[in-house]
Amino acid sequence: KLLREKLEALGGESLQGLVIDLRNNPGGVAAAAVEVASLFLKPGDTVLNIKARNQDKSEEIKVPAAAKNYSFPVAVLV
């Protein structure tokens, strides 16, 4: 929510591009990662695939169908 507000304050869809710098970022909550990724990926795209270490089952988390994504280019530094 906060990132969308900041992007809108910068011009929203009229931005020519965005660089996200995640270097030295220790990570965080998976739900927050899905929320941020949903701003840039298309609805239905896979954001995260979780597989337990000693189990055969996995969980795939996708961008929600109702997500409104931006279409400008994005570069992510990791």
PDB file of N, CA and C in Angstrom:
ATOM      1  N   LYS A   1       0.831  -1.185   0.000  1.00  0.00           N
ATOM      2  CA  LYS A   1       0.000   0.000   0.000  1.00  0.00           C
ATOM      3  C   LYS A   1       0.877   1.251   0.000  1.00  0.00           C
ATOM      4  N   LEU A   2       1.875   1.277   0.828  1.00  0.00           N
ATOM      5  CA  LEU A   2       2.754   2.437   0.920  1.00  0.00           C
ATOM      6  C   LEU A   2       3.536   2.647  -0.377  1.00  0.00           C
ATOM      7  N   LEU A   3       4.022   1.562  -0.982  1.00  0.00           N
ATOM      8  CA  LEU A   3       4.780   1.698  -2.226  1.00  0.00           C
ATOM      9  C   LEU A   3       3.888   2.258  -3.327  1.00  0.00           C
ATOM     10  N   ARG A   4       2.663   1.776  -3.442  1.00  0.00           N
ATOM     11  CA  ARG A   4       1.753   2.305  -4.464  1.00  0.00           C
ATOM     12  C   ARG A   4       1.521   3.811  -4.240  1.00  0.00           C
ATOM     13  N   GLU A   5       1.330   4.219  -2.994  1.00  0.00           N
ATOM     14  CA  GLU A   5       1.130   5.636  -2.694  1.00  0.00           C
ATOM     15  C   GLU A   5       2.336   6.467  -3.140  1.00  0.00           C
ATOM     16  N   LYS A   6       3.539   5.954  -2.869  1.00  0.00           N
ATOM     17  CA  LYS A   6       4.759   6.680  -3.251  1.00  0.00           C
ATOM     18  C   LYS A   6       4.911   6.737  -4.770  1.00  0.00           C
ATOM     19  N   LEU A   7       4.601   5.618  -5.448  1.00  0.00           N
ATOM     20  CA  LEU A   7       4.680   5.605  -6.904  1.00  0.00           C
ATOM     21  C   LEU A   7       3.687   6.583  -7.519  1.00  0.00           C
ATOM     22  N   GLU A   8       2.498   6.640  -6.965  1.00  0.00           N
ATOM     23  CA  GLU A   8       1.489   7.583  -7.455  1.00  0.00           C
ATOM     24  C   GLU A   8       1.947   9.024  -7.229  1.00  0.00           C
ATOM     25  N   ALA A   9       2.593   9.286  -6.100  1.00  0.00           N
ATOM     26  CA  ALA A   9       3.095  10.635  -5.819  1.00  0.00           C
ATOM     27  C   ALA A   9       4.189  11.034  -6.813  1.00  0.00           C
ATOM     28  N   LEU A  10       4.923  10.036  -7.331  1.00  0.00           N
ATOM     29  CA  LEU A  10       5.978  10.301  -8.312  1.00  0.00           C
ATOM     30  C   LEU A  10       5.444  10.426  -9.740  1.00  0.00           C
ATOM     31  N   GLY A  11       4.196  10.066  -9.953  1.00  0.00           N
ATOM     32  CA  GLY A  11       3.630  10.172 -11.301  1.00  0.00           C
ATOM     33  C   GLY A  11       2.881   8.944 -11.758  1.00  0.00           C
ATOM     34  N   GLY A  12       2.930   7.886 -10.965  1.00  0.00           N
ATOM     35  CA  GLY A  12       2.167   6.675 -11.295  1.00  0.00           C
ATOM     36  C   GLY A  12       2.513   6.098 -12.648  1.00  0.00           C
ATOM     37  N   GLU A  13       1.500   5.831 -13.446  1.00  0.00           N
ATOM     38  CA  GLU A  13       1.681   5.176 -14.739  1.00  0.00           C
ATOM     39  C   GLU A  13       2.489   6.019 -15.721  1.00  0.00           C
ATOM     40  N   SER A  14       2.626   7.311 -15.471  1.00  0.00           N
ATOM     41  CA  SER A  14       3.391   8.162 -16.387  1.00  0.00           C
ATOM     42  C   SER A  14       4.909   8.046 -16.182  1.00  0.00           C
ATOM     43  N   LEU A  15       5.348   7.298 -15.167  1.00  0.00           N
ATOM     44  CA  LEU A  15       6.788   7.095 -14.963  1.00  0.00           C
ATOM     45  C   LEU A  15       7.390   6.385 -16.173  1.00  0.00           C
ATOM     46  N   GLN A  16       8.622   6.732 -16.516  1.00  0.00           N
ATOM     47  CA  GLN A  16       9.299   6.092 -17.640  1.00  0.00           C
ATOM     48  C   GLN A  16       9.952   4.780 -17.234  1.00  0.00           C
ATOM     49  N   GLY A  17      10.192   4.574 -15.950  1.00  0.00           N
ATOM     50  CA  GLY A  17      10.815   3.359 -15.458  1.00  0.00           C
ATOM     51  C   GLY A  17      11.120   3.491 -13.983  1.00  0.00           C
ATOM     52  N   LEU A  18      11.558   2.384 -13.384  1.00  0.00           N
ATOM     53  CA  LEU A  18      11.835   2.352 -11.950  1.00  0.00           C
ATOM     54  C   LEU A  18      12.969   1.377 -11.682  1.00  0.00           C
ATOM     55  N   VAL A  19      13.874   1.765 -10.792  1.00  0.00           N
ATOM     56  CA  VAL A  19      14.932   0.875 -10.326  1.00  0.00           C
ATOM     57  C   VAL A  19      14.676   0.606  -8.847  1.00  0.00           C
ATOM     58  N   ILE A  20      14.568  -0.664  -8.490  1.00  0.00           N
ATOM     59  CA  ILE A  20      14.384  -1.072  -7.094  1.00  0.00           C
ATOM     60  C   ILE A  20      15.687  -1.723  -6.642  1.00  0.00           C
ATOM     61  N   ASP A  21      16.287  -1.175  -5.617  1.00  0.00           N
ATOM     62  CA  ASP A  21      17.571  -1.671  -5.116  1.00  0.00           C
ATOM     63  C   ASP A  21      17.340  -2.522  -3.870  1.00  0.00           C
ATOM     64  N   LEU A  22      17.495  -3.841  -4.014  1.00  0.00           N
ATOM     65  CA  LEU A  22      17.322  -4.763  -2.890  1.00  0.00           C
ATOM     66  C   LEU A  22      18.647  -5.294  -2.362  1.00  0.00           C
ATOM     67  N   ARG A  23      19.744  -4.709  -2.810  1.00  0.00           N
ATOM     68  CA  ARG A  23      21.050  -5.159  -2.306  1.00  0.00           C
ATOM     69  C   ARG A  23      21.116  -4.908  -0.804  1.00  0.00           C
ATOM     70  N   ASN A  24      21.705  -5.827  -0.097  1.00  0.00           N
ATOM     71  CA  ASN A  24      21.844  -5.779   1.364  1.00  0.00           C
ATOM     72  C   ASN A  24      20.497  -5.796   2.089  1.00  0.00           C
ATOM     73  N   ASN A  25      19.467  -6.286   1.434  1.00  0.00           N
ATOM     74  CA  ASN A  25      18.156  -6.416   2.050  1.00  0.00           C
ATOM     75  C   ASN A  25      18.043  -7.835   2.599  1.00  0.00           C
ATOM     76  N   PRO A  26      17.851  -8.010   3.897  1.00  0.00           N
ATOM     77  CA  PRO A  26      17.830  -9.357   4.478  1.00  0.00           C
ATOM     78  C   PRO A  26      16.547 -10.131   4.212  1.00  0.00           C
ATOM     79  N   GLY A  27      15.570  -9.543   3.558  1.00  0.00           N
ATOM     80  CA  GLY A  27      14.316 -10.241   3.286  1.00  0.00           C
ATOM     81  C   GLY A  27      13.216  -9.712   4.171  1.00  0.00           C
ATOM     82  N   GLY A  28      12.152 -10.483   4.259  1.00  0.00           N
ATOM     83  CA  GLY A  28      11.030 -10.010   5.055  1.00  0.00           C
ATOM     84  C   GLY A  28       9.862 -10.959   4.989  1.00  0.00           C
ATOM     85  N   VAL A  29       8.685 -10.426   5.096  1.00  0.00           N
ATOM     86  CA  VAL A  29       7.458 -11.196   5.142  1.00  0.00           C
ATOM     87  C   VAL A  29       7.014 -11.536   3.718  1.00  0.00           C
ATOM     88  N   ALA A  30       6.670 -12.793   3.467  1.00  0.00           N
ATOM     89  CA  ALA A  30       6.268 -13.229   2.132  1.00  0.00           C
ATOM     90  C   ALA A  30       5.051 -12.467   1.632  1.00  0.00           C
ATOM     91  N   ALA A  31       4.105 -12.175   2.501  1.00  0.00           N
ATOM     92  CA  ALA A  31       2.890 -11.450   2.082  1.00  0.00           C
ATOM     93  C   ALA A  31       3.248 -10.063   1.540  1.00  0.00           C
ATOM     94  N   ALA A  32       4.235  -9.420   2.122  1.00  0.00           N
ATOM     95  CA  ALA A  32       4.672  -8.106   1.643  1.00  0.00           C
ATOM     96  C   ALA A  32       5.329  -8.240   0.269  1.00  0.00           C
ATOM     97  N   ALA A  33       6.088  -9.300   0.062  1.00  0.00           N
ATOM     98  CA  ALA A  33       6.727  -9.526  -1.232  1.00  0.00           C
ATOM     99  C   ALA A  33       5.678  -9.737  -2.322  1.00  0.00           C
ATOM    100  N   VAL A  34       4.638 -10.476  -2.009  1.00  0.00           N
ATOM    101  CA  VAL A  34       3.553 -10.710  -2.968  1.00  0.00           C
ATOM    102  C   VAL A  34       2.845  -9.397  -3.283  1.00  0.00           C
ATOM    103  N   GLU A  35       2.618  -8.586  -2.264  1.00  0.00           N
ATOM    104  CA  GLU A  35       1.944  -7.299  -2.455  1.00  0.00           C
ATOM    105  C   GLU A  35       2.758  -6.387  -3.375  1.00  0.00           C
ATOM    106  N   VAL A  36       4.058  -6.327  -3.154  1.00  0.00           N
ATOM    107  CA  VAL A  36       4.920  -5.482  -3.980  1.00  0.00           C
ATOM    108  C   VAL A  36       5.010  -6.048  -5.401  1.00  0.00           C
ATOM    109  N   ALA A  37       5.209  -7.339  -5.529  1.00  0.00           N
ATOM    110  CA  ALA A  37       5.309  -7.957  -6.854  1.00  0.00           C
ATOM    111  C   ALA A  37       4.023  -7.762  -7.647  1.00  0.00           C
ATOM    112  N   SER A  38       2.898  -7.729  -6.961  1.00  0.00           N
ATOM    113  CA  SER A  38       1.607  -7.554  -7.628  1.00  0.00           C
ATOM    114  C   SER A  38       1.469  -6.191  -8.286  1.00  0.00           C
ATOM    115  N   LEU A  39       2.309  -5.250  -7.906  1.00  0.00           N
ATOM    116  CA  LEU A  39       2.284  -3.936  -8.536  1.00  0.00           C
ATOM    117  C   LEU A  39       2.894  -3.968  -9.932  1.00  0.00           C
ATOM    118  N   PHE A  40       3.714  -4.987 -10.220  1.00  0.00           N
ATOM    119  CA  PHE A  40       4.475  -5.005 -11.462  1.00  0.00           C
ATOM    120  C   PHE A  40       4.232  -6.233 -12.339  1.00  0.00           C
ATOM    121  N   LEU A  41       3.693  -7.305 -11.761  1.00  0.00           N
ATOM    122  CA  LEU A  41       3.421  -8.520 -12.527  1.00  0.00           C
ATOM    123  C   LEU A  41       1.960  -8.575 -12.929  1.00  0.00           C
ATOM    124  N   LYS A  42       1.665  -9.353 -13.955  1.00  0.00           N
ATOM    125  CA  LYS A  42       0.289  -9.483 -14.429  1.00  0.00           C
ATOM    126  C   LYS A  42      -0.510 -10.406 -13.505  1.00  0.00           C
ATOM    127  N   PRO A  43      -1.817 -10.153 -13.386  1.00  0.00           N
ATOM    128  CA  PRO A  43      -2.663 -11.059 -12.593  1.00  0.00           C
ATOM    129  C   PRO A  43      -2.509 -12.503 -13.087  1.00  0.00           C
ATOM    130  N   GLY A  44      -2.350 -13.420 -12.149  1.00  0.00           N
ATOM    131  CA  GLY A  44      -2.169 -14.837 -12.475  1.00  0.00           C
ATOM    132  C   GLY A  44      -0.719 -15.266 -12.568  1.00  0.00           C
ATOM    133  N   ASP A  45       0.223 -14.318 -12.681  1.00  0.00           N
ATOM    134  CA  ASP A  45       1.648 -14.673 -12.711  1.00  0.00           C
ATOM    135  C   ASP A  45       2.071 -15.233 -11.353  1.00  0.00           C
ATOM    136  N   THR A  46       2.976 -16.191 -11.372  1.00  0.00           N
ATOM    137  CA  THR A  46       3.486 -16.773 -10.133  1.00  0.00           C
ATOM    138  C   THR A  46       4.497 -15.829  -9.495  1.00  0.00           C
ATOM    139  N   VAL A  47       4.295 -15.535  -8.213  1.00  0.00           N
ATOM    140  CA  VAL A  47       5.212 -14.682  -7.458  1.00  0.00           C
ATOM    141  C   VAL A  47       6.158 -15.540  -6.637  1.00  0.00           C
ATOM    142  N   LEU A  48       5.623 -16.599  -6.067  1.00  0.00           N
ATOM    143  CA  LEU A  48       6.361 -17.361  -5.073  1.00  0.00           C
ATOM    144  C   LEU A  48       5.934 -18.827  -5.133  1.00  0.00           C
ATOM    145  N   ASN A  49       6.901 -19.714  -5.043  1.00  0.00           N
ATOM    146  CA  ASN A  49       6.618 -21.150  -4.991  1.00  0.00           C
ATOM    147  C   ASN A  49       7.312 -21.683  -3.746  1.00  0.00           C
ATOM    148  N   ILE A  50       6.518 -22.197  -2.814  1.00  0.00           N
ATOM    149  CA  ILE A  50       7.044 -22.669  -1.529  1.00  0.00           C
ATOM    150  C   ILE A  50       7.006 -24.190  -1.517  1.00  0.00           C
ATOM    151  N   LYS A  51       8.152 -24.794  -1.249  1.00  0.00           N
ATOM    152  CA  LYS A  51       8.222 -26.251  -1.134  1.00  0.00           C
ATOM    153  C   LYS A  51       8.905 -26.594   0.179  1.00  0.00           C
ATOM    154  N   ALA A  52       8.218 -27.414   0.977  1.00  0.00           N
ATOM    155  CA  ALA A  52       8.782 -27.840   2.263  1.00  0.00           C
ATOM    156  C   ALA A  52       9.997 -28.732   2.021  1.00  0.00           C
ATOM    157  N   ARG A  53      10.936 -28.671   2.914  1.00  0.00           N
ATOM    158  CA  ARG A  53      12.193 -29.392   2.759  1.00  0.00           C
ATOM    159  C   ARG A  53      11.995 -30.905   2.664  1.00  0.00           C
ATOM    160  N   ASN A  54      11.158 -31.472   3.498  1.00  0.00           N
ATOM    161  CA  ASN A  54      11.004 -32.930   3.548  1.00  0.00           C
ATOM    162  C   ASN A  54       9.632 -33.402   3.067  1.00  0.00           C
ATOM    163  N   GLN A  55       8.967 -32.601   2.251  1.00  0.00           N
ATOM    164  CA  GLN A  55       7.646 -32.989   1.764  1.00  0.00           C
ATOM    165  C   GLN A  55       7.577 -32.818   0.258  1.00  0.00           C
ATOM    166  N   ASP A  56       6.679 -33.569  -0.354  1.00  0.00           N
ATOM    167  CA  ASP A  56       6.519 -33.493  -1.800  1.00  0.00           C
ATOM    168  C   ASP A  56       5.576 -32.379  -2.238  1.00  0.00           C
ATOM    169  N   LYS A  57       4.765 -31.881  -1.309  1.00  0.00           N
ATOM    170  CA  LYS A  57       3.806 -30.864  -1.722  1.00  0.00           C
ATOM    171  C   LYS A  57       4.435 -29.478  -1.721  1.00  0.00           C
ATOM    172  N   SER A  58       3.889 -28.635  -2.574  1.00  0.00           N
ATOM    173  CA  SER A  58       4.364 -27.257  -2.650  1.00  0.00           C
ATOM    174  C   SER A  58       3.155 -26.329  -2.759  1.00  0.00           C
ATOM    175  N   GLU A  59       3.398 -25.064  -2.510  1.00  0.00           N
ATOM    176  CA  GLU A  59       2.347 -24.059  -2.593  1.00  0.00           C
ATOM    177  C   GLU A  59       2.807 -22.966  -3.542  1.00  0.00           C
ATOM    178  N   GLU A  60       1.964 -22.646  -4.496  1.00  0.00           N
ATOM    179  CA  GLU A  60       2.274 -21.609  -5.465  1.00  0.00           C
ATOM    180  C   GLU A  60       1.400 -20.400  -5.174  1.00  0.00           C
ATOM    181  N   ILE A  61       2.028 -19.236  -5.039  1.00  0.00           N
ATOM    182  CA  ILE A  61       1.293 -18.011  -4.761  1.00  0.00           C
ATOM    183  C   ILE A  61       1.358 -17.134  -6.004  1.00  0.00           C
ATOM    184  N   LYS A  62       0.182 -16.723  -6.458  1.00  0.00           N
ATOM    185  CA  LYS A  62       0.083 -15.958  -7.708  1.00  0.00           C
ATOM    186  C   LYS A  62      -0.412 -14.539  -7.439  1.00  0.00           C
ATOM    187  N   VAL A  63      -0.194 -13.680  -8.407  1.00  0.00           N
ATOM    188  CA  VAL A  63      -0.725 -12.321  -8.337  1.00  0.00           C
ATOM    189  C   VAL A  63      -2.250 -12.424  -8.379  1.00  0.00           C
ATOM    190  N   PRO A  64      -2.937 -11.758  -7.454  1.00  0.00           N
ATOM    191  CA  PRO A  64      -4.406 -11.819  -7.441  1.00  0.00           C
ATOM    192  C   PRO A  64      -5.012 -11.325  -8.753  1.00  0.00           C
ATOM    193  N   ALA A  65      -6.134 -11.897  -9.129  1.00  0.00           N
ATOM    194  CA  ALA A  65      -6.809 -11.546 -10.384  1.00  0.00           C
ATOM    195  C   ALA A  65      -7.208 -10.075 -10.436  1.00  0.00           C
ATOM    196  N   ALA A  66      -7.513  -9.488  -9.294  1.00  0.00           N
ATOM    197  CA  ALA A  66      -7.970  -8.096  -9.254  1.00  0.00           C
ATOM    198  C   ALA A  66      -6.830  -7.080  -9.160  1.00  0.00           C
ATOM    199  N   ALA A  67      -5.589  -7.541  -9.184  1.00  0.00           N
ATOM    200  CA  ALA A  67      -4.443  -6.639  -9.016  1.00  0.00           C
ATOM    201  C   ALA A  67      -4.330  -5.670 -10.191  1.00  0.00           C
ATOM    202  N   LYS A  68      -4.037  -4.420  -9.885  1.00  0.00           N
ATOM    203  CA  LYS A  68      -3.787  -3.399 -10.910  1.00  0.00           C
ATOM    204  C   LYS A  68      -2.279  -3.176 -10.970  1.00  0.00           C
ATOM    205  N   ASN A  69      -1.678  -3.585 -12.069  1.00  0.00           N
ATOM    206  CA  ASN A  69      -0.230  -3.484 -12.154  1.00  0.00           C
ATOM    207  C   ASN A  69       0.198  -2.306 -13.024  1.00  0.00           C
ATOM    208  N   TYR A  70       1.407  -1.850 -12.794  1.00  0.00           N
ATOM    209  CA  TYR A  70       2.001  -0.799 -13.605  1.00  0.00           C
ATOM    210  C   TYR A  70       2.648  -1.445 -14.830  1.00  0.00           C
ATOM    211  N   SER A  71       2.759  -0.688 -15.917  1.00  0.00           N
ATOM    212  CA  SER A  71       3.325  -1.259 -17.130  1.00  0.00           C
ATOM    213  C   SER A  71       4.687  -0.674 -17.509  1.00  0.00           C
ATOM    214  N   PHE A  72       5.208   0.264 -16.713  1.00  0.00           N
ATOM    215  CA  PHE A  72       6.507   0.829 -17.041  1.00  0.00           C
ATOM    216  C   PHE A  72       7.614  -0.175 -16.723  1.00  0.00           C
ATOM    217  N   PRO A  73       8.786  -0.044 -17.360  1.00  0.00           N
ATOM    218  CA  PRO A  73       9.897  -0.966 -17.114  1.00  0.00           C
ATOM    219  C   PRO A  73      10.414  -0.869 -15.679  1.00  0.00           C
ATOM    220  N   VAL A  74      10.800  -2.014 -15.130  1.00  0.00           N
ATOM    221  CA  VAL A  74      11.331  -2.086 -13.769  1.00  0.00           C
ATOM    222  C   VAL A  74      12.614  -2.904 -13.787  1.00  0.00           C
ATOM    223  N   ALA A  75      13.644  -2.388 -13.138  1.00  0.00           N
ATOM    224  CA  ALA A  75      14.894  -3.127 -12.944  1.00  0.00           C
ATOM    225  C   ALA A  75      15.064  -3.346 -11.447  1.00  0.00           C
ATOM    226  N   VAL A  76      15.433  -4.573 -11.072  1.00  0.00           N
ATOM    227  CA  VAL A  76      15.619  -4.900  -9.665  1.00  0.00           C
ATOM    228  C   VAL A  76      17.076  -5.296  -9.445  1.00  0.00           C
ATOM    229  N   LEU A  77      17.751  -4.600  -8.541  1.00  0.00           N
ATOM    230  CA  LEU A  77      19.134  -4.915  -8.205  1.00  0.00           C
ATOM    231  C   LEU A  77      19.131  -5.840  -6.989  1.00  0.00           C
ATOM    232  N   VAL A  78      19.772  -6.998  -7.123  1.00  0.00           N
ATOM    233  CA  VAL A  78      19.833  -7.952  -6.011  1.00  0.00           C
ATOM    234  C   VAL A  78      21.272  -8.286  -5.692  1.00  0.00           C
TER     235      VAL A  78
END
